[in-house]
Amino acid sequence: MGSKIYKVLFMLIGIGTLAYMIRAMGVEEIWTNLEKIGWWFLPVLGSWAVLYWMNAIAFKAIIQEPQLPQTDVPFWKVLQLTVSGYAINYITPFVALGGEPYRIIELKNYVGGSKAGSSVLLYGVMHILSHILFWVVSVFLILWFVPASTLVDVACAVIFVMAIVCTWLFTKFYKKGITVSLLRALSGLPLVGKKINNLLEAKFETLNDVDQQVKNLFQNRRGRFYTALFWEFVARVVGCLEIYFIGLALDINIDFIDAMIISSGSSLFANLVFFFPMQLGTREGGLAMAVMSIGLPASVGIFMGIVTRIREIVWIIIGLGWMSLVKKK
């Protein structure tokens, strides 16, 4: 019953958010921009189909354990959870994490609650880690291809420091687990601390099992760890094709390296302001600053932001529609 209520709730939120976004953008504005980009919008959509496919490969690598046949979840189910989960994240205000509970609820029907929780948790962290790796690689591209300036040097230094700190935190996370220790730390908070402590005591065995599975991936399943990280990183690179195709549609002089610089710069800015649903306003600003860094007018970045938002709307519709068609195993 809880699973059905959750689905209905997010379907309603999704439909409402979509209606709001389409109304805010304006149907006429959407159509005008689609006419401007023309048939290049199809490769833009297709690049994200490839990206989601790679995300699903990484997710399945984390879920599956060869010695446990029940963890061999059908790939199409993993792909559906990937697409639908991101669709929910796009429409979820504040931190965009609504898709993770949905994935756990659906996945536990195949592998059980603790395995589902640890797999979704590990995949989320892997997704973040691949972003950081992508930003670090982009720093070298920026330093090599973007004209030197104080702002660029400071931004690159900040990215490197963030990468070092986050890598250290993730290493501790994978080696020691996080759920039990995090809840113990939060149990000392005023007002909510007692409830968190009660939750920890009631669910300690399950949470400890989740932590053990987190440590198991890093300590005993290194091949799966690096496989998942590889596919997530490649997916980030494939996502740059979207910017490249939009540039071709506008007949502007950018190559794939420029597309990577624009994509990494805009995504870094958007993730620093992560609590807006669909990154309202932050993406356009990030893209405008990114394209200006390689000598293009800000208007190009604004148009790229509009096209990527239309692409998101289409994939949200696909994700929510796919979610509504799925029957419980």
Protein backbone atom coordinates (compact mmCIF):
# COMPACT_ATOMS: atom_id res chain seq x y z
CA MET A 1 0.00 0.00 0.00
CA GLY A 2 2.81 2.42 0.89
CA SER A 3 4.46 1.85 -2.46
CA LYS A 4 1.24 2.65 -4.32
CA ILE A 5 0.64 5.81 -2.30
CA TYR A 6 4.21 6.94 -2.96
CA LYS A 7 3.80 6.40 -6.69
CA VAL A 8 0.51 8.29 -6.81
CA LEU A 9 1.95 11.14 -4.72
CA PHE A 10 4.95 11.65 -7.00
CA MET A 11 2.87 11.23 -10.11
CA LEU A 12 0.67 14.10 -8.88
CA ILE A 13 3.72 16.19 -7.93
CA GLY A 14 5.28 15.40 -11.28
CA ILE A 15 2.22 16.36 -13.29
CA GLY A 16 1.81 19.55 -11.27
CA THR A 17 5.46 20.51 -11.65
CA LEU A 18 5.41 19.81 -15.37
CA ALA A 19 2.30 21.90 -15.82
CA TYR A 20 3.91 24.74 -13.87
CA MET A 21 7.17 24.56 -15.84
CA ILE A 22 5.42 24.46 -19.20
CA ARG A 23 3.19 27.36 -18.18
CA ALA A 24 6.16 29.35 -16.86
CA MET A 25 8.16 28.80 -20.05
CA GLY A 26 5.13 29.24 -22.28
CA VAL A 27 4.05 26.79 -24.96
CA GLU A 28 4.81 29.37 -27.64
CA GLU A 29 8.34 29.92 -26.28
CA ILE A 30 8.96 26.17 -26.20
CA TRP A 31 7.73 25.77 -29.78
CA THR A 32 9.80 28.74 -30.99
CA ASN A 33 12.98 27.28 -29.54
CA LEU A 34 12.21 23.82 -30.90
CA GLU A 35 11.82 25.37 -34.34
CA LYS A 36 15.13 27.17 -33.88
CA ILE A 37 17.06 24.02 -32.99
CA GLY A 38 15.17 21.94 -35.58
CA TRP A 39 15.95 18.27 -36.05
CA TRP A 40 19.07 18.62 -33.87
CA PHE A 41 16.72 18.23 -30.91
CA LEU A 42 16.50 14.50 -31.72
CA PRO A 43 20.27 13.93 -31.22
CA VAL A 44 20.00 15.98 -28.02
CA LEU A 45 17.30 13.62 -26.72
CA GLY A 46 19.20 10.59 -28.00
CA SER A 47 22.42 11.56 -26.23
CA TRP A 48 20.55 11.33 -22.94
CA ALA A 49 19.12 7.94 -23.88
CA VAL A 50 22.73 6.74 -24.19
CA LEU A 51 23.64 8.50 -20.93
CA TYR A 52 20.79 6.82 -19.01
CA TRP A 53 21.78 3.48 -20.52
CA MET A 54 25.30 3.91 -19.12
CA ASN A 55 23.90 5.02 -15.75
CA ALA A 56 21.87 1.81 -15.66
CA ILE A 57 24.97 -0.30 -16.44
CA ALA A 58 26.73 1.34 -13.48
CA PHE A 59 23.68 0.84 -11.22
CA LYS A 60 23.40 -2.83 -12.17
CA ALA A 61 27.12 -3.37 -11.53
CA ILE A 62 26.56 -2.21 -7.96
CA ILE A 63 23.38 -4.24 -7.42
CA GLN A 64 24.53 -7.55 -8.86
CA GLU A 65 26.64 -10.00 -6.87
CA PRO A 66 27.53 -13.11 -8.93
CA GLN A 67 27.32 -15.39 -5.90
CA LEU A 68 23.75 -14.20 -5.19
CA PRO A 69 21.48 -15.04 -8.15
CA GLN A 70 18.59 -13.02 -6.74
CA THR A 71 20.61 -9.81 -7.24
CA ASP A 72 20.62 -10.32 -11.01
CA VAL A 73 17.82 -7.79 -11.54
CA PRO A 74 16.64 -7.57 -15.20
CA PHE A 75 18.48 -4.76 -16.98
CA TRP A 76 15.27 -3.18 -18.27
CA LYS A 77 14.03 -2.88 -14.67
CA VAL A 78 17.29 -1.20 -13.64
CA LEU A 79 17.00 1.14 -16.64
CA GLN A 80 13.41 2.00 -15.70
CA LEU A 81 14.44 2.76 -12.11
CA THR A 82 17.27 4.93 -13.45
CA VAL A 83 15.11 7.00 -15.80
CA SER A 84 12.11 7.28 -13.46
CA GLY A 85 14.32 8.04 -10.45
CA TYR A 86 16.00 10.94 -12.22
CA ALA A 87 12.61 12.18 -13.45
CA ILE A 88 11.43 12.37 -9.83
CA ASN A 89 14.68 14.06 -8.78
CA TYR A 90 14.18 16.77 -11.42
CA ILE A 91 10.82 17.72 -9.94
CA THR A 92 11.74 17.37 -6.26
CA PRO A 93 12.42 20.65 -4.44
CA PHE A 94 15.34 20.82 -2.01
CA VAL A 95 18.32 18.59 -2.76
CA ALA A 96 16.48 16.59 -5.47
CA LEU A 97 16.49 13.23 -3.72
CA GLY A 98 12.90 12.09 -4.23
CA GLY A 99 13.89 9.41 -6.71
CA GLU A 100 16.02 7.46 -4.21
CA PRO A 101 13.12 6.31 -1.96
CA TYR A 102 11.22 5.28 -5.08
CA ARG A 103 14.16 3.19 -6.30
CA ILE A 104 14.49 1.51 -2.90
CA ILE A 105 10.77 0.70 -2.72
CA GLU A 106 10.79 -0.87 -6.17
CA LEU A 107 14.16 -2.60 -5.87
CA LYS A 108 13.43 -4.25 -2.53
CA ASN A 109 10.81 -6.43 -4.25
CA TYR A 110 13.76 -8.09 -6.03
CA VAL A 111 16.67 -8.06 -3.57
CA GLY A 112 15.26 -7.19 -0.14
CA GLY A 113 15.23 -3.98 1.85
CA SER A 114 18.82 -3.71 3.10
CA LYS A 115 20.34 -4.66 -0.26
CA ALA A 116 18.05 -2.20 -2.04
CA GLY A 117 18.94 0.58 0.40
CA SER A 118 22.70 -0.01 0.19
CA SER A 119 22.62 -0.29 -3.63
CA VAL A 120 20.74 2.98 -4.08
CA LEU A 121 22.95 4.70 -1.51
CA LEU A 122 26.13 3.44 -3.18
CA TYR A 123 24.92 4.40 -6.63
CA GLY A 124 24.10 7.92 -5.44
CA VAL A 125 27.58 8.35 -4.00
CA MET A 126 29.14 6.88 -7.16
CA HIS A 127 27.15 9.39 -9.23
CA ILE A 128 28.57 12.26 -7.16
CA LEU A 129 32.09 10.83 -7.29
CA SER A 130 31.96 10.63 -11.10
CA HIS A 131 30.90 14.28 -11.19
CA ILE A 132 33.92 15.25 -9.13
CA LEU A 133 36.22 13.21 -11.37
CA PHE A 134 34.68 14.89 -14.42
CA TRP A 135 35.23 18.35 -12.92
CA VAL A 136 38.87 17.53 -12.15
CA VAL A 137 39.48 16.39 -15.73
CA SER A 138 37.74 19.55 -16.93
CA VAL A 139 40.12 21.68 -14.85
CA PHE A 140 43.03 20.56 -17.01
CA LEU A 141 41.03 21.39 -20.13
CA ILE A 142 40.15 24.82 -18.72
CA LEU A 143 43.76 25.59 -17.78
CA TRP A 144 44.93 24.51 -21.23
CA PHE A 145 42.27 26.04 -23.48
CA VAL A 146 40.64 28.94 -21.58
CA PRO A 147 42.54 32.26 -21.44
CA ALA A 148 44.25 32.70 -18.08
CA SER A 149 42.66 35.02 -15.51
CA THR A 150 42.47 35.35 -11.74
CA LEU A 151 38.85 34.15 -11.70
CA VAL A 152 39.68 31.02 -13.72
CA ASP A 153 42.71 30.19 -11.55
CA VAL A 154 40.71 30.60 -8.34
CA ALA A 155 37.84 28.47 -9.69
CA CYS A 156 40.25 25.69 -10.67
CA ALA A 157 41.92 25.80 -7.26
CA VAL A 158 38.54 25.57 -5.51
CA ILE A 159 37.59 22.55 -7.63
CA PHE A 160 40.85 20.78 -6.74
CA VAL A 161 40.39 21.43 -3.01
CA MET A 162 36.78 20.22 -3.18
CA ALA A 163 37.89 17.10 -5.05
CA ILE A 164 40.52 16.25 -2.44
CA VAL A 165 38.15 16.77 0.50
CA CYS A 166 35.27 14.86 -1.11
CA THR A 167 37.52 11.96 -2.14
CA TRP A 168 38.78 11.69 1.42
CA LEU A 169 35.22 11.70 2.77
CA PHE A 170 34.08 9.11 0.24
CA THR A 171 37.03 6.86 1.11
CA LYS A 172 36.03 6.96 4.77
CA PHE A 173 32.41 6.37 3.76
CA TYR A 174 33.21 3.28 1.71
CA LYS A 175 35.58 1.83 4.30
CA LYS A 176 33.44 2.38 7.40
CA GLY A 177 29.87 2.78 6.21
CA ILE A 178 27.80 5.78 7.12
CA THR A 179 24.21 5.11 8.14
CA VAL A 180 24.74 4.01 11.75
CA SER A 181 27.49 6.54 12.52
CA LEU A 182 25.52 9.37 10.88
CA LEU A 183 22.34 8.60 12.82
CA ARG A 184 24.31 8.36 16.05
CA ALA A 185 25.76 11.82 15.40
CA LEU A 186 22.31 13.22 14.57
CA SER A 187 20.76 11.66 17.69
CA GLY A 188 22.49 14.35 19.72
CA LEU A 189 20.52 17.13 18.05
CA PRO A 190 17.85 18.98 20.05
CA LEU A 191 14.15 18.34 19.34
CA VAL A 192 14.65 15.56 16.76
CA GLY A 193 17.51 13.70 18.46
CA LYS A 194 15.27 11.42 20.53
CA LYS A 195 13.22 10.34 17.52
CA ILE A 196 16.37 9.66 15.52
CA ASN A 197 17.76 7.57 18.38
CA ASN A 198 14.51 5.58 18.56
CA LEU A 199 14.73 4.97 14.81
CA LEU A 200 18.35 3.84 15.19
CA GLU A 201 17.43 1.37 17.92
CA ALA A 202 14.42 0.02 16.03
CA LYS A 203 16.22 -0.39 12.71
CA PHE A 204 19.77 -1.00 13.92
CA GLU A 205 20.09 -4.48 12.42
CA THR A 206 18.91 -3.34 9.00
CA LEU A 207 21.05 -0.18 9.05
CA ASN A 208 24.11 -2.14 10.15
CA ASP A 209 23.47 -4.59 7.31
CA VAL A 210 23.38 -1.65 4.88
CA ASP A 211 26.75 -0.46 6.23
CA GLN A 212 28.24 -3.93 5.84
CA GLN A 213 27.16 -4.05 2.20
CA VAL A 214 28.62 -0.58 1.62
CA LYS A 215 31.98 -1.74 2.99
CA ASN A 216 31.73 -4.97 1.00
CA LEU A 217 31.64 -3.12 -2.33
CA PHE A 218 34.82 -1.18 -1.56
CA GLN A 219 36.75 -3.99 0.15
CA ASN A 220 35.70 -7.16 -1.66
CA ARG A 221 34.12 -6.06 -4.94
CA ARG A 222 36.69 -3.58 -6.25
CA GLY A 223 36.07 -4.66 -9.84
CA ARG A 224 32.40 -3.69 -9.55
CA PHE A 225 33.36 -0.42 -7.86
CA TYR A 226 35.65 0.65 -10.70
CA THR A 227 33.25 -0.64 -13.36
CA ALA A 228 30.45 1.51 -11.96
CA LEU A 229 32.73 4.54 -11.65
CA PHE A 230 33.97 4.07 -15.23
CA TRP A 231 30.46 3.97 -16.74
CA GLU A 232 29.30 6.92 -14.66
CA PHE A 233 32.30 8.98 -15.79
CA VAL A 234 31.80 8.03 -19.45
CA ALA A 235 28.13 9.00 -19.07
CA ARG A 236 29.23 12.49 -17.93
CA VAL A 237 31.37 12.79 -21.07
CA VAL A 238 28.55 11.57 -23.32
CA GLY A 239 26.29 14.20 -21.72
CA CYS A 240 28.52 16.88 -23.29
CA LEU A 241 27.22 15.85 -26.71
CA GLU A 242 24.06 17.77 -25.85
CA ILE A 243 25.99 21.05 -25.75
CA TYR A 244 27.91 20.11 -28.89
CA PHE A 245 24.72 19.34 -30.85
CA ILE A 246 23.12 22.62 -29.75
CA GLY A 247 26.23 24.43 -30.95
CA LEU A 248 25.94 22.73 -34.33
CA ALA A 249 22.28 23.73 -34.54
CA LEU A 250 23.26 27.36 -33.90
CA ASP A 251 26.12 27.08 -36.41
CA ILE A 252 28.63 28.41 -33.89
CA ASN A 253 32.28 27.44 -33.81
CA ILE A 254 32.65 25.05 -30.85
CA ASP A 255 34.28 21.63 -30.70
CA PHE A 256 33.77 18.80 -28.22
CA ILE A 257 36.44 20.16 -25.85
CA ASP A 258 34.52 23.45 -25.69
CA ALA A 259 31.36 21.46 -25.01
CA MET A 260 33.07 19.68 -22.08
CA ILE A 261 34.25 23.00 -20.61
CA ILE A 262 30.77 24.52 -20.93
CA SER A 263 29.08 21.42 -19.48
CA SER A 264 31.45 21.08 -16.51
CA GLY A 265 31.34 24.80 -15.68
CA SER A 266 27.56 25.01 -15.79
CA SER A 267 27.03 21.76 -13.87
CA LEU A 268 29.43 22.87 -11.13
CA PHE A 269 27.52 26.13 -10.71
CA ALA A 270 24.14 24.35 -10.75
CA ASN A 271 25.24 21.78 -8.16
CA LEU A 272 26.49 24.50 -5.83
CA VAL A 273 22.88 25.77 -5.78
CA PHE A 274 21.27 22.35 -5.61
CA PHE A 275 18.01 23.05 -3.78
CA PHE A 276 15.95 24.43 -6.68
CA PRO A 277 13.58 22.04 -8.50
CA MET A 278 14.85 21.57 -12.06
CA GLN A 279 17.68 24.01 -11.09
CA LEU A 280 15.41 26.97 -11.80
CA GLY A 281 17.45 29.91 -13.05
CA THR A 282 20.80 28.45 -11.96
CA ARG A 283 21.41 26.46 -15.13
CA GLU A 284 20.86 29.40 -17.47
CA GLY A 285 23.21 31.54 -15.39
CA GLY A 286 25.85 28.82 -15.25
CA LEU A 287 25.67 28.19 -18.99
CA ALA A 288 25.85 31.93 -19.73
CA MET A 289 29.03 32.27 -17.65
CA ALA A 290 30.52 29.11 -19.13
CA VAL A 291 30.03 30.13 -22.78
CA MET A 292 31.37 33.62 -22.04
CA SER A 293 34.58 32.01 -20.70
CA ILE A 294 35.33 30.64 -24.20
CA GLY A 295 34.44 33.87 -25.97
CA LEU A 296 30.78 33.31 -26.90
CA PRO A 297 27.91 35.70 -26.09
CA ALA A 298 25.79 35.02 -23.01
CA SER A 299 22.70 34.68 -25.22
CA VAL A 300 24.09 31.37 -26.52
CA GLY A 301 24.18 30.03 -22.96
CA ILE A 302 20.63 31.19 -22.31
CA PHE A 303 19.41 29.35 -25.42
CA MET A 304 21.32 26.22 -24.39
CA GLY A 305 19.64 26.42 -20.99
CA ILE A 306 16.18 26.63 -22.57
CA VAL A 307 16.83 23.67 -24.86
CA THR A 308 18.18 21.52 -22.02
CA ARG A 309 15.11 22.40 -19.96
CA ILE A 310 12.82 21.30 -22.79
CA ARG A 311 14.85 18.08 -23.04
CA GLU A 312 14.34 17.54 -19.32
CA ILE A 313 10.59 18.02 -19.66
CA VAL A 314 10.47 15.33 -22.34
CA TRP A 315 12.50 12.88 -20.23
CA ILE A 316 10.40 13.65 -17.14
CA ILE A 317 7.32 12.70 -19.15
CA ILE A 318 9.06 9.49 -20.28
CA GLY A 319 10.21 8.65 -16.74
CA LEU A 320 6.86 9.29 -15.05
CA GLY A 321 5.00 7.50 -17.82
CA TRP A 322 7.27 4.48 -17.55
CA MET A 323 6.83 4.49 -13.77
CA SER A 324 3.04 4.46 -14.11
CA LEU A 325 3.17 1.46 -16.46
CA VAL A 326 5.33 -0.68 -14.22
CA LYS A 327 3.57 -3.42 -12.26
CA LYS A 328 4.80 -4.69 -8.94
CA LYS A 329 6.88 -7.87 -9.29
